[in-house]
N, C-alpha and C. Protein backbone atom coordinates (compact mmCIF):
# COMPACT_ATOMS: atom_id res chain seq x y z
N MET A 1 0.87 -1.17 -0.10
CA MET A 1 0.03 0.06 0.08
C MET A 1 0.93 1.10 0.08
N ILE A 2 1.85 1.11 0.75
CA ILE A 2 2.80 2.47 0.73
C ILE A 2 3.51 2.66 -0.49
N PHE A 3 3.84 1.71 -1.22
CA PHE A 3 4.53 1.71 -2.67
C PHE A 3 3.36 2.30 -3.57
N LEU A 4 2.41 1.95 -3.53
CA LEU A 4 1.36 2.39 -4.35
C LEU A 4 1.19 3.87 -4.12
N LEU A 5 0.85 4.45 -2.78
CA LEU A 5 0.61 5.82 -2.50
C LEU A 5 2.01 6.45 -3.13
N TRP A 6 3.16 5.94 -2.64
CA TRP A 6 4.51 6.58 -3.29
C TRP A 6 4.50 7.06 -4.64
N PHE A 7 4.00 5.75 -5.63
CA PHE A 7 3.92 5.92 -6.89
C PHE A 7 2.91 6.94 -7.25
N ILE A 8 1.73 6.93 -6.68
CA ILE A 8 0.68 7.92 -7.11
C ILE A 8 1.15 9.43 -6.90
N PHE A 9 1.73 9.56 -5.48
CA PHE A 9 2.28 10.99 -5.34
C PHE A 9 3.56 11.34 -6.30
N SER A 10 4.18 10.43 -6.67
CA SER A 10 5.27 10.65 -7.63
C SER A 10 4.76 11.13 -9.15
N LEU A 11 3.47 10.40 -9.34
CA LEU A 11 2.81 10.79 -10.49
C LEU A 11 2.32 12.26 -10.43
N GLY A 12 1.69 12.68 -9.46
CA GLY A 12 1.40 13.91 -9.10
C GLY A 12 2.42 14.92 -9.10
N VAL A 13 3.46 14.65 -8.47
CA VAL A 13 4.68 15.68 -8.73
C VAL A 13 5.19 15.64 -10.19
N GLY A 14 5.09 14.58 -10.82
CA GLY A 14 5.49 14.68 -12.39
C GLY A 14 4.61 15.59 -13.01
N MET A 15 3.27 15.47 -12.76
CA MET A 15 2.24 16.30 -13.36
C MET A 15 2.59 17.83 -13.09
N LEU A 16 2.89 17.99 -11.77
CA LEU A 16 3.17 19.45 -11.52
C LEU A 16 4.58 19.93 -12.34
N GLY A 17 5.46 18.92 -12.38
CA GLY A 17 6.80 19.35 -13.13
C GLY A 17 6.45 19.57 -14.59
N ALA A 18 5.49 19.02 -15.15
CA ALA A 18 5.21 19.31 -16.67
C ALA A 18 5.20 20.62 -17.06
N GLY A 19 4.76 21.55 -16.35
CA GLY A 19 4.86 23.03 -16.62
C GLY A 19 6.00 23.64 -16.33
N LYS A 20 6.85 23.03 -15.86
CA LYS A 20 8.15 23.67 -15.30
C LYS A 20 9.37 23.22 -16.29
N ASN A 21 10.46 24.00 -16.07
CA ASN A 21 11.77 23.44 -16.95
C ASN A 21 12.15 22.00 -16.79
N ILE A 22 11.84 21.38 -15.33
CA ILE A 22 12.25 20.05 -15.08
C ILE A 22 11.56 19.12 -15.89
N GLY A 23 10.33 19.41 -16.22
CA GLY A 23 9.67 18.59 -17.07
C GLY A 23 8.90 17.31 -16.34
N PHE A 24 8.01 16.61 -16.81
CA PHE A 24 7.37 15.56 -16.29
C PHE A 24 8.41 14.59 -15.59
N TRP A 25 9.10 14.07 -16.57
CA TRP A 25 9.72 12.86 -16.27
C TRP A 25 10.85 12.92 -15.40
N GLY A 26 11.47 14.37 -15.34
CA GLY A 26 12.57 14.76 -14.36
C GLY A 26 11.78 14.72 -13.06
N ALA A 27 10.77 15.34 -12.87
CA ALA A 27 10.20 15.44 -11.60
C ALA A 27 9.71 14.08 -11.18
N PHE A 28 9.02 13.31 -12.05
CA PHE A 28 8.53 12.04 -11.55
C PHE A 28 9.68 11.25 -11.18
N LEU A 29 10.85 11.11 -11.83
CA LEU A 29 11.95 10.14 -11.35
C LEU A 29 12.59 10.71 -9.88
N ILE A 30 12.75 12.04 -9.97
CA ILE A 30 13.29 12.52 -8.67
C ILE A 30 12.26 12.14 -7.46
N ALA A 31 11.10 12.35 -7.68
CA ALA A 31 10.07 11.98 -6.64
C ALA A 31 10.08 10.68 -6.38
N LEU A 32 10.29 9.67 -7.63
CA LEU A 32 10.08 8.28 -7.34
C LEU A 32 11.25 7.58 -6.43
N ILE A 33 12.55 8.28 -7.00
CA ILE A 33 13.81 7.65 -6.52
C ILE A 33 13.93 8.34 -5.06
N LEU A 34 13.93 9.57 -4.79
CA LEU A 34 14.11 10.18 -3.63
C LEU A 34 12.96 10.28 -2.58
N SER A 35 11.86 11.04 -2.90
CA SER A 35 10.68 11.00 -2.21
C SER A 35 9.83 11.91 -3.05
N PRO A 36 8.52 11.77 -2.92
CA PRO A 36 7.54 12.71 -3.48
C PRO A 36 7.60 14.17 -2.69
N LEU A 37 7.99 14.18 -1.46
CA LEU A 37 8.11 15.51 -0.83
C LEU A 37 9.34 16.29 -1.29
N ILE A 38 10.67 15.33 -1.53
CA ILE A 38 11.65 16.05 -2.02
C ILE A 38 11.46 16.45 -3.73
N GLY A 39 10.71 15.57 -4.36
CA GLY A 39 10.38 15.98 -5.77
C GLY A 39 9.60 17.13 -5.87
N PHE A 40 8.62 17.39 -4.78
CA PHE A 40 7.62 18.48 -4.79
C PHE A 40 8.43 19.66 -4.54
N ILE A 41 9.41 19.80 -3.72
CA ILE A 41 10.16 20.87 -3.31
C ILE A 41 11.06 21.22 -4.56
N VAL A 42 11.66 20.16 -5.30
CA VAL A 42 12.33 20.47 -6.33
C VAL A 42 11.48 21.10 -7.53
N VAL A 43 10.40 20.65 -7.79
CA VAL A 43 9.42 21.15 -8.67
C VAL A 43 9.22 22.65 -8.27
N LEU A 44 8.98 22.91 -7.09
CA LEU A 44 8.67 24.37 -6.64
C LEU A 44 9.82 25.32 -7.02
N CYS A 45 11.02 24.82 -6.82
CA CYS A 45 12.27 25.53 -7.06
C CYS A 45 12.41 25.72 -8.54
N SER A 46 11.96 24.89 -9.41
CA SER A 46 12.19 24.83 -10.79
C SER A 46 11.58 26.04 -11.40
N SER A 47 12.12 26.76 -12.49
CA SER A 47 11.38 27.91 -13.08
C SER A 47 10.40 27.39 -13.95
N THR A 48 9.41 28.34 -14.29
CA THR A 48 8.40 28.06 -15.25
C THR A 48 8.77 28.17 -16.55
N LYS A 49 8.35 27.00 -17.39
CA LYS A 49 8.65 27.24 -18.80
C LYS A 49 8.15 28.41 -19.62
N VAL A 50 8.74 28.97 -20.49
CA VAL A 50 8.20 30.19 -21.04
C VAL A 50 7.69 29.71 -22.61
N GLN A 51 6.57 30.03 -22.69
CA GLN A 51 5.80 29.76 -23.93
C GLN A 51 5.21 30.82 -24.68
N TYR A 52 5.46 30.95 -25.77
CA TYR A 52 5.03 32.07 -26.63
C TYR A 52 3.53 31.81 -27.30
N LEU A 53 2.72 32.57 -27.15
CA LEU A 53 1.43 32.42 -27.93
C LEU A 53 1.52 32.52 -29.24
N TYR A 54 2.21 33.43 -29.88
CA TYR A 54 2.41 33.70 -31.19
C TYR A 54 3.96 33.86 -31.52
N PRO A 55 4.62 32.68 -31.75
CA PRO A 55 6.07 32.77 -32.14
C PRO A 55 6.20 33.65 -33.30
N PRO A 56 7.34 34.20 -33.28
CA PRO A 56 7.72 35.07 -34.58
C PRO A 56 7.74 34.11 -35.88
N THR A 57 7.10 34.67 -36.83
CA THR A 57 7.04 33.81 -38.19
C THR A 57 8.19 34.33 -39.16
N GLN A 58 8.52 35.42 -38.80
CA GLN A 58 9.80 36.07 -39.77
C GLN A 58 10.58 36.95 -38.97
N PRO A 59 11.82 36.85 -39.20
CA PRO A 59 12.81 37.74 -38.63
C PRO A 59 12.47 39.42 -38.61
N VAL A 60 12.78 40.07 -37.40
CA VAL A 60 12.47 41.53 -37.35
C VAL A 60 13.40 42.16 -38.06
N GLN A 61 13.23 43.03 -38.80
CA GLN A 61 14.04 43.72 -39.57
C GLN A 61 14.72 45.00 -38.75
N THR A 62 15.89 45.03 -38.34
CA THR A 62 16.43 45.97 -37.54
C THR A 62 17.04 47.18 -38.06
N THR A 63 17.26 47.12 -39.45
CA THR A 63 17.85 48.29 -40.31
C THR A 63 16.83 48.67 -41.46
N LYS A 64 16.96 49.97 -41.56
CA LYS A 64 16.05 50.27 -42.81
C LYS A 64 16.72 49.79 -44.10
N PRO A 65 15.88 49.61 -45.10
CA PRO A 65 16.42 48.97 -46.33
C PRO A 65 16.85 50.38 -47.15
N LYS A 66 17.97 50.07 -47.90
CA LYS A 66 18.47 51.00 -48.82
C LYS A 66 17.45 51.36 -49.84
N PRO A 67 17.29 52.79 -50.03
CA PRO A 67 16.37 53.19 -51.03
C PRO A 67 16.75 52.76 -52.32
N GLN A 68 15.93 52.14 -53.21
CA GLN A 68 16.40 51.91 -54.76
C GLN A 68 16.63 53.18 -55.38
N VAL A 69 17.78 53.09 -56.04
CA VAL A 69 18.13 54.12 -56.96
C VAL A 69 18.04 53.97 -58.29
N ASP A 70 17.45 54.61 -59.11
CA ASP A 70 17.47 54.39 -60.42
C ASP A 70 18.53 55.20 -61.08
N VAL A 71 19.69 54.34 -61.47
CA VAL A 71 20.96 54.91 -61.86
C VAL A 71 20.84 55.75 -63.22
N ALA A 72 19.92 55.35 -64.13
CA ALA A 72 19.76 56.19 -65.32
C ALA A 72 19.07 57.29 -65.11
N ASP A 73 18.03 57.39 -64.25
CA ASP A 73 17.39 58.66 -63.82
C ASP A 73 18.31 59.56 -63.01
N GLN A 74 19.10 59.02 -62.17
CA GLN A 74 19.97 60.03 -61.51
C GLN A 74 21.29 60.72 -62.51
N LEU A 75 21.50 59.62 -63.45
CA LEU A 75 22.36 60.30 -64.42
C LEU A 75 21.84 61.20 -65.33
N GLY A 76 20.43 61.11 -65.49
CA GLY A 76 19.82 62.15 -66.52
C GLY A 76 19.73 63.43 -65.65
N LYS A 77 19.60 63.56 -64.45
CA LYS A 77 19.54 64.53 -63.69
C LYS A 77 20.80 65.36 -63.50
N PHE A 78 21.81 64.43 -63.26
CA PHE A 78 23.28 65.14 -63.30
C PHE A 78 23.62 65.71 -64.73
N LYS A 79 23.24 65.17 -65.87
CA LYS A 79 23.34 65.55 -67.13
C LYS A 79 22.60 66.94 -67.38
N VAL A 80 21.47 67.08 -66.92
CA VAL A 80 20.75 68.23 -66.99
C VAL A 80 21.59 69.37 -66.25
N LEU A 81 21.96 69.01 -64.99
CA LEU A 81 22.81 69.95 -64.19
C LEU A 81 24.03 70.51 -64.97
N LEU A 82 24.76 69.43 -65.68
CA LEU A 82 25.90 69.66 -66.38
C LEU A 82 25.74 70.71 -67.57
N ASP A 83 24.54 70.20 -68.26
CA ASP A 83 24.29 71.12 -69.30
C ASP A 83 23.85 72.60 -69.02
N SER A 84 23.12 72.68 -67.86
CA SER A 84 22.79 74.11 -67.31
C SER A 84 23.75 74.81 -67.03
N GLY A 85 24.93 74.15 -66.50
CA GLY A 85 26.15 74.76 -65.95
C GLY A 85 26.27 74.88 -64.51
N ALA A 86 25.23 74.24 -63.96
CA ALA A 86 25.06 74.11 -62.46
C ALA A 86 26.31 73.41 -61.76
N ILE A 87 26.86 72.30 -62.46
CA ILE A 87 28.04 71.60 -62.08
C ILE A 87 29.01 71.53 -63.19
N THR A 88 30.23 71.26 -62.83
CA THR A 88 31.36 71.18 -63.76
C THR A 88 31.40 69.70 -64.38
N GLU A 89 32.25 69.61 -65.40
CA GLU A 89 32.54 68.14 -66.06
C GLU A 89 32.93 67.32 -64.94
N ASP A 90 33.87 67.74 -64.13
CA ASP A 90 34.70 66.90 -63.18
C ASP A 90 33.47 66.48 -61.99
N GLU A 91 32.77 67.35 -61.80
CA GLU A 91 31.66 66.98 -60.61
C GLU A 91 30.77 65.90 -61.08
N PHE A 92 30.40 66.17 -62.61
CA PHE A 92 29.39 65.11 -63.19
C PHE A 92 30.33 63.71 -63.27
N ASN A 93 31.39 63.78 -63.64
CA ASN A 93 32.12 62.35 -63.61
C ASN A 93 32.33 61.80 -62.37
N GLU A 94 32.51 62.53 -61.20
CA GLU A 94 32.61 62.18 -59.97
C GLU A 94 31.16 61.37 -59.51
N GLN A 95 30.04 62.13 -59.76
CA GLN A 95 28.64 61.54 -59.29
C GLN A 95 28.54 60.38 -60.22
N LYS A 96 28.95 60.24 -61.46
CA LYS A 96 28.79 58.95 -62.17
C LYS A 96 29.62 57.89 -61.85
N ARG A 97 30.70 58.14 -61.39
CA ARG A 97 31.58 56.99 -60.70
C ARG A 97 30.88 56.61 -59.72
N LYS A 98 30.43 57.50 -58.71
CA LYS A 98 29.90 57.07 -57.48
C LYS A 98 28.47 56.21 -57.72
N LEU A 99 27.75 56.66 -58.74
CA LEU A 99 26.48 55.86 -59.05
C LEU A 99 26.70 54.37 -59.77
N LEU A 100 27.64 54.45 -60.66
CA LEU A 100 28.04 53.26 -61.39
C LEU A 100 28.79 52.42 -60.39
N GLY A 101 29.41 52.94 -59.29
CA GLY A 101 30.21 52.03 -58.55
C GLY A 101 29.34 51.27 -57.53
N GLN A 102 28.31 51.84 -57.25
CA GLN A 102 27.30 51.27 -56.41
C GLN A 102 26.75 49.73 -56.96
N TYR A 103 26.72 49.56 -58.10
CA TYR A 103 26.21 48.33 -58.70
C TYR A 103 27.24 47.56 -59.45
């Protein structure tokens, strides 16, 4: 009779341990081998499992994406500035190298 109660209390301790980091089997085995009282104390000292209701489905983006630059459009704008005299030939070539160097 004592062994049956020991086993039943060990099962109860195992069920309490199922929601903890120790788990059902760890709590059950500790309670079965040592005693249900010691197993209960170990379960109380064990931390609770962390469960997420909605796990992240995709990684969180931490940096802003680079804006897409239309190279032909940018070169056209610099060409208009060059033709109007707002920038020099050297400045135009420098900007063209920067734009073409990106890709």
